[in-house]
Structures are given as structure tokens and as C-alpha cells.
Full PDB file with SEQRES, HELIX, SHEET, SSBOND, CRYST1, ORIGX, SCALE, CONECT and MASTER records, all heavy atoms in Angstrom:
SEQRES   1 A   29  LEU PHE ARG THR THR ASP LEU PHE ALA GLY THR LEU VAL          
SEQRES   2 A   29  TRP ALA ALA GLY LEU LEU ALA SER LEU ARG LEU PRO SER          
SEQRES   3 A   29  PRO GLY ARG                                                  
HELIX    1 AA1 PHE A    2  ARG A   23  1                                  22    
CRYST1    1.000    1.000    1.000  90.00  90.00  90.00 P 1           1          
ORIGX1      1.000000  0.000000  0.000000        0.00000                         
ORIGX2      0.000000  1.000000  0.000000        0.00000                         
ORIGX3      0.000000  0.000000  1.000000        0.00000                         
SCALE1      1.000000  0.000000  0.000000        0.00000                         
SCALE2      0.000000  1.000000  0.000000        0.00000                         
SCALE3      0.000000  0.000000  1.000000        0.00000                         
ATOM      1  N   LEU A   1      91.511  -5.943  65.055  1.00  0.00           N  
ATOM      2  CA  LEU A   1      91.787  -5.728  66.479  1.00  0.00           C  
ATOM      3  C   LEU A   1      90.554  -5.235  67.207  1.00  0.00           C  
ATOM      4  O   LEU A   1      90.166  -5.786  68.257  1.00  0.00           O  
ATOM      5  CB  LEU A   1      92.927  -4.721  66.636  1.00  0.00           C  
ATOM      6  CG  LEU A   1      93.161  -4.194  68.064  1.00  0.00           C  
ATOM      7  CD1 LEU A   1      93.598  -5.321  68.997  1.00  0.00           C  
ATOM      8  CD2 LEU A   1      94.188  -3.067  68.049  1.00  0.00           C  
ATOM      9  N   PHE A   2      89.897  -4.209  66.665  1.00  0.00           N  
ATOM     10  CA  PHE A   2      88.749  -3.630  67.358  1.00  0.00           C  
ATOM     11  C   PHE A   2      87.526  -4.544  67.315  1.00  0.00           C  
ATOM     12  O   PHE A   2      86.733  -4.562  68.262  1.00  0.00           O  
ATOM     13  CB  PHE A   2      88.427  -2.251  66.761  1.00  0.00           C  
ATOM     14  CG  PHE A   2      89.467  -1.213  67.071  1.00  0.00           C  
ATOM     15  CD1 PHE A   2      90.268  -0.688  66.075  1.00  0.00           C  
ATOM     16  CD2 PHE A   2      89.662  -0.775  68.378  1.00  0.00           C  
ATOM     17  CE1 PHE A   2      91.230   0.264  66.365  1.00  0.00           C  
ATOM     18  CE2 PHE A   2      90.625   0.167  68.683  1.00  0.00           C  
ATOM     19  CZ  PHE A   2      91.414   0.692  67.671  1.00  0.00           C  
ATOM     20  N   ARG A   3      87.377  -5.317  66.258  1.00  0.00           N  
ATOM     21  CA  ARG A   3      86.276  -6.283  66.219  1.00  0.00           C  
ATOM     22  C   ARG A   3      86.498  -7.377  67.260  1.00  0.00           C  
ATOM     23  O   ARG A   3      85.552  -7.838  67.907  1.00  0.00           O  
ATOM     24  CB  ARG A   3      86.150  -6.896  64.814  1.00  0.00           C  
ATOM     25  CG  ARG A   3      85.636  -5.948  63.772  1.00  0.00           C  
ATOM     26  CD  ARG A   3      85.216  -6.668  62.501  1.00  0.00           C  
ATOM     27  NE  ARG A   3      86.323  -7.332  61.820  1.00  0.00           N  
ATOM     28  CZ  ARG A   3      87.108  -6.741  60.922  1.00  0.00           C  
ATOM     29  NH1 ARG A   3      86.922  -5.471  60.612  1.00  0.00           N  
ATOM     30  NH2 ARG A   3      88.080  -7.419  60.318  1.00  0.00           N  
ATOM     31  N   THR A   4      87.736  -7.776  67.426  1.00  0.00           N  
ATOM     32  CA  THR A   4      88.051  -8.819  68.406  1.00  0.00           C  
ATOM     33  C   THR A   4      87.830  -8.332  69.834  1.00  0.00           C  
ATOM     34  O   THR A   4      87.260  -9.056  70.665  1.00  0.00           O  
ATOM     35  CB  THR A   4      89.508  -9.286  68.240  1.00  0.00           C  
ATOM     36  OG1 THR A   4      89.695  -9.781  66.907  1.00  0.00           O  
ATOM     37  CG2 THR A   4      89.840 -10.395  69.231  1.00  0.00           C  
ATOM     38  N   THR A   5      88.254  -7.111  70.130  1.00  0.00           N  
ATOM     39  CA  THR A   5      88.048  -6.589  71.488  1.00  0.00           C  
ATOM     40  C   THR A   5      86.563  -6.385  71.776  1.00  0.00           C  
ATOM     41  O   THR A   5      86.115  -6.613  72.908  1.00  0.00           O  
ATOM     42  CB  THR A   5      88.815  -5.272  71.692  1.00  0.00           C  
ATOM     43  OG1 THR A   5      88.457  -4.329  70.667  1.00  0.00           O  
ATOM     44  CG2 THR A   5      90.320  -5.509  71.645  1.00  0.00           C  
ATOM     45  N   ASP A   6      85.800  -5.995  70.767  1.00  0.00           N  
ATOM     46  CA  ASP A   6      84.350  -5.877  70.963  1.00  0.00           C  
ATOM     47  C   ASP A   6      83.726  -7.236  71.266  1.00  0.00           C  
ATOM     48  O   ASP A   6      82.834  -7.358  72.113  1.00  0.00           O  
ATOM     49  CB  ASP A   6      83.689  -5.286  69.715  1.00  0.00           C  
ATOM     50  CG  ASP A   6      83.876  -3.785  69.603  1.00  0.00           C  
ATOM     51  OD1 ASP A   6      84.321  -3.171  70.592  1.00  0.00           O  
ATOM     52  OD2 ASP A   6      83.586  -3.227  68.520  1.00  0.00           O  
ATOM     53  N   LEU A   7      84.187  -8.256  70.554  1.00  0.00           N  
ATOM     54  CA  LEU A   7      83.677  -9.607  70.793  1.00  0.00           C  
ATOM     55  C   LEU A   7      83.999 -10.061  72.212  1.00  0.00           C  
ATOM     56  O   LEU A   7      83.132 -10.599  72.921  1.00  0.00           O  
ATOM     57  CB  LEU A   7      84.287 -10.581  69.790  1.00  0.00           C  
ATOM     58  CG  LEU A   7      83.932 -12.059  69.963  1.00  0.00           C  
ATOM     59  CD1 LEU A   7      82.425 -12.282  69.829  1.00  0.00           C  
ATOM     60  CD2 LEU A   7      84.693 -12.917  68.959  1.00  0.00           C  
ATOM     61  N   PHE A   8      85.227  -9.837  72.653  1.00  0.00           N  
ATOM     62  CA  PHE A   8      85.612 -10.214  74.012  1.00  0.00           C  
ATOM     63  C   PHE A   8      84.815  -9.428  75.046  1.00  0.00           C  
ATOM     64  O   PHE A   8      84.339 -10.000  76.042  1.00  0.00           O  
ATOM     65  CB  PHE A   8      87.110  -9.979  74.216  1.00  0.00           C  
ATOM     66  CG  PHE A   8      87.988 -11.012  73.589  1.00  0.00           C  
ATOM     67  CD1 PHE A   8      89.336 -10.778  73.385  1.00  0.00           C  
ATOM     68  CD2 PHE A   8      87.480 -12.237  73.179  1.00  0.00           C  
ATOM     69  CE1 PHE A   8      90.157 -11.734  72.800  1.00  0.00           C  
ATOM     70  CE2 PHE A   8      88.281 -13.203  72.597  1.00  0.00           C  
ATOM     71  CZ  PHE A   8      89.629 -12.948  72.402  1.00  0.00           C  
ATOM     72  N   ALA A   9      84.659  -8.120  74.831  1.00  0.00           N  
ATOM     73  CA  ALA A   9      83.917  -7.292  75.784  1.00  0.00           C  
ATOM     74  C   ALA A   9      82.482  -7.783  75.923  1.00  0.00           C  
ATOM     75  O   ALA A   9      81.959  -7.947  77.035  1.00  0.00           O  
ATOM     76  CB  ALA A   9      83.941  -5.834  75.342  1.00  0.00           C  
ATOM     77  N   GLY A  10      81.839  -8.022  74.793  1.00  0.00           N  
ATOM     78  CA  GLY A  10      80.458  -8.502  74.834  1.00  0.00           C  
ATOM     79  C   GLY A  10      80.328  -9.850  75.511  1.00  0.00           C  
ATOM     80  O   GLY A  10      79.423 -10.072  76.320  1.00  0.00           O  
ATOM     81  N   THR A  11      81.249 -10.744  75.201  1.00  0.00           N  
ATOM     82  CA  THR A  11      81.201 -12.093  75.785  1.00  0.00           C  
ATOM     83  C   THR A  11      81.439 -12.045  77.293  1.00  0.00           C  
ATOM     84  O   THR A  11      80.760 -12.758  78.061  1.00  0.00           O  
ATOM     85  CB  THR A  11      82.253 -12.989  75.117  1.00  0.00           C  
ATOM     86  OG1 THR A  11      82.008 -13.031  73.703  1.00  0.00           O  
ATOM     87  CG2 THR A  11      82.188 -14.402  75.679  1.00  0.00           C  
ATOM     88  N   LEU A  12      82.369 -11.222  77.740  1.00  0.00           N  
ATOM     89  CA  LEU A  12      82.658 -11.112  79.175  1.00  0.00           C  
ATOM     90  C   LEU A  12      81.462 -10.550  79.944  1.00  0.00           C  
ATOM     91  O   LEU A  12      81.093 -11.066  81.011  1.00  0.00           O  
ATOM     92  CB  LEU A  12      83.885 -10.226  79.383  1.00  0.00           C  
ATOM     93  CG  LEU A  12      85.234 -10.846  78.985  1.00  0.00           C  
ATOM     94  CD1 LEU A  12      86.299  -9.766  78.875  1.00  0.00           C  
ATOM     95  CD2 LEU A  12      85.656 -11.909  79.998  1.00  0.00           C  
ATOM     96  N   VAL A  13      80.854  -9.502  79.406  1.00  0.00           N  
ATOM     97  CA  VAL A  13      79.699  -8.908  80.086  1.00  0.00           C  
ATOM     98  C   VAL A  13      78.507  -9.858  80.034  1.00  0.00           C  
ATOM     99  O   VAL A  13      77.752  -9.979  81.009  1.00  0.00           O  
ATOM    100  CB  VAL A  13      79.345  -7.539  79.471  1.00  0.00           C  
ATOM    101  CG1 VAL A  13      78.062  -6.981  80.097  1.00  0.00           C  
ATOM    102  CG2 VAL A  13      80.493  -6.553  79.674  1.00  0.00           C  
ATOM    103  N   TRP A  14      78.329 -10.539  78.916  1.00  0.00           N  
ATOM    104  CA  TRP A  14      77.260 -11.549  78.812  1.00  0.00           C  
ATOM    105  C   TRP A  14      77.434 -12.615  79.890  1.00  0.00           C  
ATOM    106  O   TRP A  14      76.472 -12.986  80.576  1.00  0.00           O  
ATOM    107  CB  TRP A  14      77.306 -12.189  77.430  1.00  0.00           C  
ATOM    108  CG  TRP A  14      76.448 -13.418  77.308  1.00  0.00           C  
ATOM    109  CD1 TRP A  14      75.109 -13.462  77.051  1.00  0.00           C  
ATOM    110  CD2 TRP A  14      76.883 -14.784  77.457  1.00  0.00           C  
ATOM    111  NE1 TRP A  14      74.679 -14.780  77.028  1.00  0.00           N  
ATOM    112  CE2 TRP A  14      75.740 -15.600  77.277  1.00  0.00           C  
ATOM    113  CE3 TRP A  14      78.106 -15.382  77.722  1.00  0.00           C  
ATOM    114  CZ2 TRP A  14      75.799 -16.995  77.356  1.00  0.00           C  
ATOM    115  CZ3 TRP A  14      78.177 -16.771  77.805  1.00  0.00           C  
ATOM    116  CH2 TRP A  14      77.034 -17.557  77.618  1.00  0.00           C  
ATOM    117  N   ALA A  15      78.653 -13.111  80.038  1.00  0.00           N  
ATOM    118  CA  ALA A  15      78.914 -14.143  81.039  1.00  0.00           C  
ATOM    119  C   ALA A  15      78.678 -13.618  82.449  1.00  0.00           C  
ATOM    120  O   ALA A  15      78.121 -14.326  83.311  1.00  0.00           O  
ATOM    121  CB  ALA A  15      80.350 -14.654  80.901  1.00  0.00           C  
ATOM    122  N   ALA A  16      79.061 -12.373  82.698  1.00  0.00           N  
ATOM    123  CA  ALA A  16      78.851 -11.770  84.025  1.00  0.00           C  
ATOM    124  C   ALA A  16      77.363 -11.653  84.330  1.00  0.00           C  
ATOM    125  O   ALA A  16      76.908 -12.002  85.428  1.00  0.00           O  
ATOM    126  CB  ALA A  16      79.518 -10.403  84.088  1.00  0.00           C  
ATOM    127  N   GLY A  17      76.596 -11.153  83.378  1.00  0.00           N  
ATOM    128  CA  GLY A  17      75.162 -11.001  83.591  1.00  0.00           C  
ATOM    129  C   GLY A  17      74.461 -12.335  83.779  1.00  0.00           C  
ATOM    130  O   GLY A  17      73.572 -12.470  84.631  1.00  0.00           O  
ATOM    131  N   LEU A  18      74.862 -13.329  82.990  1.00  0.00           N  
ATOM    132  CA  LEU A  18      74.243 -14.649  83.100  1.00  0.00           C  
ATOM    133  C   LEU A  18      74.567 -15.295  84.451  1.00  0.00           C  
ATOM    134  O   LEU A  18      73.683 -15.839  85.125  1.00  0.00           O  
ATOM    135  CB  LEU A  18      74.720 -15.546  81.955  1.00  0.00           C  
ATOM    136  CG  LEU A  18      74.084 -16.926  81.879  1.00  0.00           C  
ATOM    137  CD1 LEU A  18      72.579 -16.819  81.644  1.00  0.00           C  
ATOM    138  CD2 LEU A  18      74.730 -17.750  80.763  1.00  0.00           C  
ATOM    139  N   LEU A  19      75.838 -15.237  84.841  1.00  0.00           N  
ATOM    140  CA  LEU A  19      76.238 -15.823  86.120  1.00  0.00           C  
ATOM    141  C   LEU A  19      75.535 -15.122  87.282  1.00  0.00           C  
ATOM    142  O   LEU A  19      75.065 -15.776  88.222  1.00  0.00           O  
ATOM    143  CB  LEU A  19      77.758 -15.721  86.284  1.00  0.00           C  
ATOM    144  CG  LEU A  19      78.347 -16.300  87.580  1.00  0.00           C  
ATOM    145  CD1 LEU A  19      78.020 -17.784  87.706  1.00  0.00           C  
ATOM    146  CD2 LEU A  19      79.855 -16.073  87.617  1.00  0.00           C  
ATOM    147  N   ALA A  20      75.449 -13.802  87.204  1.00  0.00           N  
ATOM    148  CA  ALA A  20      74.786 -13.055  88.278  1.00  0.00           C  
ATOM    149  C   ALA A  20      73.304 -13.403  88.362  1.00  0.00           C  
ATOM    150  O   ALA A  20      72.753 -13.571  89.458  1.00  0.00           O  
ATOM    151  CB  ALA A  20      74.958 -11.552  88.049  1.00  0.00           C  
ATOM    152  N   SER A  21      72.654 -13.525  87.222  1.00  0.00           N  
ATOM    153  CA  SER A  21      71.214 -13.829  87.230  1.00  0.00           C  
ATOM    154  C   SER A  21      70.936 -15.234  87.745  1.00  0.00           C  
ATOM    155  O   SER A  21      69.860 -15.499  88.298  1.00  0.00           O  
ATOM    156  CB  SER A  21      70.632 -13.656  85.823  1.00  0.00           C  
ATOM    157  OG  SER A  21      71.218 -14.579  84.919  1.00  0.00           O  
ATOM    158  N   LEU A  22      71.903 -16.135  87.589  1.00  0.00           N  
ATOM    159  CA  LEU A  22      71.713 -17.512  88.029  1.00  0.00           C  
ATOM    160  C   LEU A  22      72.180 -17.766  89.456  1.00  0.00           C  
ATOM    161  O   LEU A  22      71.613 -18.595  90.166  1.00  0.00           O  
ATOM    162  CB  LEU A  22      72.449 -18.468  87.084  1.00  0.00           C  
ATOM    163  CG  LEU A  22      71.945 -18.547  85.639  1.00  0.00           C  
ATOM    164  CD1 LEU A  22      72.851 -19.454  84.823  1.00  0.00           C  
ATOM    165  CD2 LEU A  22      70.505 -19.032  85.594  1.00  0.00           C  
ATOM    166  N   ARG A  23      73.238 -17.060  89.906  1.00  0.00           N  
ATOM    167  CA  ARG A  23      73.883 -17.402  91.170  1.00  0.00           C  
ATOM    168  C   ARG A  23      73.764 -16.352  92.266  1.00  0.00           C  
ATOM    169  O   ARG A  23      73.906 -16.678  93.445  1.00  0.00           O  
ATOM    170  CB  ARG A  23      75.373 -17.677  90.920  1.00  0.00           C  
ATOM    171  CG  ARG A  23      75.638 -18.842  89.981  1.00  0.00           C  
ATOM    172  CD  ARG A  23      75.137 -20.165  90.549  1.00  0.00           C  
ATOM    173  NE  ARG A  23      75.785 -20.465  91.813  1.00  0.00           N  
ATOM    174  CZ  ARG A  23      76.957 -21.075  91.927  1.00  0.00           C  
ATOM    175  NH1 ARG A  23      77.618 -21.450  90.835  1.00  0.00           N  
ATOM    176  NH2 ARG A  23      77.476 -21.320  93.110  1.00  0.00           N  
ATOM    177  N   LEU A  24      73.513 -15.096  91.907  1.00  0.00           N  
ATOM    178  CA  LEU A  24      73.439 -14.056  92.932  1.00  0.00           C  
ATOM    179  C   LEU A  24      71.993 -13.813  93.349  1.00  0.00           C  
ATOM    180  O   LEU A  24      71.072 -14.025  92.561  1.00  0.00           O  
ATOM    181  CB  LEU A  24      74.055 -12.747  92.421  1.00  0.00           C  
ATOM    182  CG  LEU A  24      75.544 -12.780  92.062  1.00  0.00           C  
ATOM    183  CD1 LEU A  24      76.031 -11.372  91.746  1.00  0.00           C  
ATOM    184  CD2 LEU A  24      76.377 -13.396  93.170  1.00  0.00           C  
ATOM    185  N   PRO A  25      71.773 -13.364  94.593  1.00  0.00           N  
ATOM    186  CA  PRO A  25      70.413 -13.079  95.042  1.00  0.00           C  
ATOM    187  C   PRO A  25      69.758 -12.009  94.179  1.00  0.00           C  
ATOM    188  O   PRO A  25      70.415 -11.065  93.744  1.00  0.00           O  
ATOM    189  CB  PRO A  25      70.618 -12.566  96.480  1.00  0.00           C  
ATOM    190  CG  PRO A  25      71.950 -13.076  96.886  1.00  0.00           C  
ATOM    191  CD  PRO A  25      72.774 -13.124  95.652  1.00  0.00           C  
ATOM    192  N   SER A  26      68.484 -12.166  93.923  1.00  0.00           N  
ATOM    193  CA  SER A  26      67.717 -11.175  93.173  1.00  0.00           C  
ATOM    194  C   SER A  26      66.533 -10.743  94.020  1.00  0.00           C  
ATOM    195  O   SER A  26      65.457 -11.346  93.958  1.00  0.00           O  
ATOM    196  CB  SER A  26      67.234 -11.762  91.840  1.00  0.00           C  
ATOM    197  OG  SER A  26      68.327 -12.072  91.011  1.00  0.00           O  
ATOM    198  N   PRO A  27      66.720  -9.702  94.842  1.00  0.00           N  
ATOM    199  CA  PRO A  27      65.695  -9.330  95.808  1.00  0.00           C  
ATOM    200  C   PRO A  27      64.447  -8.680  95.221  1.00  0.00           C  
ATOM    201  O   PRO A  27      63.486  -8.442  95.930  1.00  0.00           O  
ATOM    202  CB  PRO A  27      66.434  -8.340  96.713  1.00  0.00           C  
ATOM    203  CG  PRO A  27      67.488  -7.761  95.844  1.00  0.00           C  
ATOM    204  CD  PRO A  27      67.922  -8.871  94.939  1.00  0.00           C  
ATOM    205  N   GLY A  28      64.444  -8.362  93.962  1.00  0.00           N  
ATOM    206  CA  GLY A  28      63.267  -7.725  93.394  1.00  0.00           C  
ATOM    207  C   GLY A  28      63.335  -7.680  91.883  1.00  0.00           C  
ATOM    208  O   GLY A  28      64.314  -8.092  91.254  1.00  0.00           O  
ATOM    209  N   ARG A  29      62.283  -7.166  91.294  1.00  0.00           N  
ATOM    210  CA  ARG A  29      62.185  -7.159  89.833  1.00  0.00           C  
ATOM    211  C   ARG A  29      63.246  -6.279  89.184  1.00  0.00           C  
ATOM    212  O   ARG A  29      63.703  -6.563  88.076  1.00  0.00           O  
ATOM    213  CB  ARG A  29      60.789  -6.704  89.414  1.00  0.00           C  
ATOM    214  CG  ARG A  29      60.460  -5.266  89.764  1.00  0.00           C  
ATOM    215  CD  ARG A  29      59.011  -4.938  89.472  1.00  0.00           C  
ATOM    216  NE  ARG A  29      58.120  -5.696  90.322  1.00  0.00           N  
ATOM    217  CZ  ARG A  29      56.802  -5.494  90.365  1.00  0.00           C  
ATOM    218  NH1 ARG A  29      56.257  -4.560  89.592  1.00  0.00           N  
ATOM    219  NH2 ARG A  29      56.040  -6.215  91.163  1.00  0.00           N  
TER     220      ARG A  29                                                      
MASTER        0    0    0    1    0    0    0    6  219    1    0    3          
END                                                                             
């Protein structure tokens, strides 16, 4: 159970960070 929730948590945050870096404005470094 806990390994599965960790996998989901990591995947969700990974997807959020990737989508944000590709689609949201990045005004600075």
C-alpha cells in the first residue's frame, strides 16, 4: 500500500512539474 502511494505521489508531482515547465510562463531562472 505505502509503496503504491509513494509511486502515485511521485508520478503526480513529476507530471505537474513537467507540465508547468513546458506550458506555464517562466519569468526567470
